[in-house]
Protein backbone atom coordinates (compact mmCIF):
# COMPACT_ATOMS: atom_id res chain seq x y z
CA MET A 1 12.75 -1.74 -18.44
CA GLY A 2 15.77 0.50 -18.07
CA ASP A 3 16.61 2.94 -15.34
CA GLY A 4 14.20 2.79 -12.40
CA ALA A 5 14.97 6.31 -11.12
CA VAL A 6 12.42 8.10 -13.32
CA PRO A 7 9.40 5.89 -12.54
CA ALA A 8 10.35 5.72 -8.86
CA ALA A 9 10.35 9.53 -8.59
CA ALA A 10 7.07 10.02 -10.51
CA PRO A 11 4.68 9.40 -7.58
CA ALA A 12 6.32 12.22 -5.61
CA GLU A 13 5.88 14.81 -8.37
CA ASN A 14 3.02 17.26 -7.93
CA ARG A 15 2.30 17.32 -11.66
CA CYS A 16 1.21 13.66 -11.64
CA ALA A 17 -2.32 12.93 -10.42
CA ARG A 18 -1.94 9.19 -11.01
CA VAL A 19 1.03 6.93 -11.62
CA GLU A 20 0.87 3.22 -12.44
CA LEU A 21 3.97 1.03 -12.27
CA THR A 22 4.28 -2.64 -13.17
CA CYS A 23 7.23 -4.66 -11.94
CA TRP A 24 8.16 -8.16 -13.04
CA LYS A 25 9.74 -10.54 -10.54
CA GLY A 26 9.93 -13.37 -13.03
CA TYR A 27 8.56 -14.57 -16.33
CA ASP A 28 4.97 -14.84 -15.11
CA GLN A 29 5.04 -12.89 -11.83
CA SER A 30 4.19 -9.22 -11.89
CA LEU A 31 2.97 -6.63 -9.42
CA THR A 32 1.13 -3.48 -10.45
CA GLY A 33 1.20 -0.45 -8.21
CA ASN A 34 -1.06 2.59 -8.50
CA VAL A 35 -0.41 5.87 -6.72
CA ARG A 36 -3.28 8.38 -6.93
CA ARG A 37 -3.11 11.93 -5.61
CA MET A 38 -6.45 12.52 -3.88
CA ASP A 39 -5.67 16.13 -2.90
CA GLY A 40 -2.65 18.14 -1.75
CA THR A 41 -1.74 15.80 1.10
CA THR A 42 -3.55 12.50 0.45
CA ARG A 43 -2.18 9.59 -1.57
CA ASN A 44 -3.94 6.32 -2.28
CA ILE A 45 -1.46 3.50 -2.89
CA THR A 46 -2.73 0.21 -4.31
CA LEU A 47 -0.51 -2.81 -4.97
CA GLY A 48 -2.24 -5.11 -7.45
CA CYS A 49 -4.83 -7.16 -5.56
CA ARG A 50 -2.50 -7.43 -2.53
CA GLY A 51 -4.03 -4.54 -0.63
CA PHE A 52 -4.06 -0.78 -0.31
CA VAL A 53 -3.12 2.06 2.02
CA ILE A 54 -4.72 5.49 2.46
CA ASP A 55 -2.71 7.95 4.53
CA ARG A 56 -4.23 11.44 4.56
CA THR A 57 -1.85 13.06 7.02
CA GLY A 58 1.39 11.44 5.87
CA VAL A 59 2.33 10.20 9.36
CA SER A 60 3.28 6.79 8.06
CA ALA A 61 5.48 7.91 5.17
CA ALA A 62 8.48 5.98 6.50
CA GLN A 63 6.49 2.74 6.87
CA ASP A 64 7.41 -0.19 4.65
CA TRP A 65 3.91 -0.68 3.26
CA ASP A 66 4.96 -2.99 0.46
CA GLY A 67 6.47 -5.34 3.04
CA ILE A 68 3.26 -5.32 5.04
CA LEU A 69 0.96 -5.84 2.06
CA THR A 70 3.06 -8.57 0.44
CA GLY A 71 3.84 -10.45 3.67
CA THR A 72 7.62 -10.08 3.92
CA GLY A 73 7.60 -9.61 7.67
CA ALA A 74 7.33 -5.83 8.09
CA ARG A 75 5.29 -4.57 11.05
CA PHE A 76 3.09 -1.52 11.50
CA THR A 77 4.88 1.23 13.39
CA THR A 78 2.43 4.06 12.67
CA GLY A 79 -0.95 3.21 11.24
CA PRO A 80 -2.41 4.98 8.22
CA ASP A 81 -6.01 6.18 8.01
CA THR A 82 -7.05 2.98 6.24
CA VAL A 83 -5.28 -0.23 5.25
CA GLY A 84 -6.73 -3.12 3.26
CA ILE A 85 -4.79 -6.36 3.61
CA LEU A 86 -5.38 -9.87 2.28
CA ARG A 87 -7.38 -11.90 4.79
CA GLU A 88 -4.70 -14.61 5.02
CA ARG A 89 -2.04 -11.99 5.89
CA VAL A 90 -3.91 -10.59 8.91
CA PRO A 91 -2.62 -13.26 11.37
CA GLU A 92 0.95 -12.23 10.44
CA HIS A 93 0.26 -8.85 12.05
CA PRO A 94 -0.39 -9.15 15.78
CA GLU A 95 -0.67 -5.35 15.88
CA LEU A 96 -4.09 -5.79 14.21
CA ALA A 97 -5.36 -8.10 16.97
CA GLY A 98 -8.45 -6.65 18.56
CA SER A 99 -9.09 -4.27 15.66
CA ASP A 100 -12.41 -4.44 13.86
CA ALA A 101 -12.20 -5.14 10.14
CA THR A 102 -14.63 -4.71 7.28
CA GLU A 103 -14.56 -7.41 4.62
CA TYR A 104 -14.00 -6.11 1.10
CA GLY A 105 -13.66 -9.00 -1.32
CA ALA A 106 -10.46 -10.89 -0.39
CA LEU A 107 -9.34 -8.02 1.85
CA HIS A 108 -9.91 -7.05 5.45
CA VAL A 109 -10.05 -3.27 5.75
CA PHE A 110 -8.94 -1.56 8.97
CA HIS A 111 -9.48 2.11 9.83
CA ARG A 112 -7.53 4.20 12.30
CA PRO A 113 -9.61 4.61 15.47
């Protein structure tokens, strides 16, 4: 509730090791996001049970990961170290064709070669 500027800036601050944000799209629709600082350069971003991204080198910082994980049509431009995506979303991403995945619950997990 209120101004979104403060919570939106929190994941970028070095003083925060972990930030959890919950957003409501409607009365009964919410999405929880966790951003954990693994070390000086590594962030682990998890969006509810929609998937996760681990990018140790920061090469995919400009990527629209929420669009990829929630299925709004975004495409991979630069892959992270690891991405876990809902199994039913994988066919929406032809850039994953031919990549080996590891099953992890409802997710398929892909690692950068």
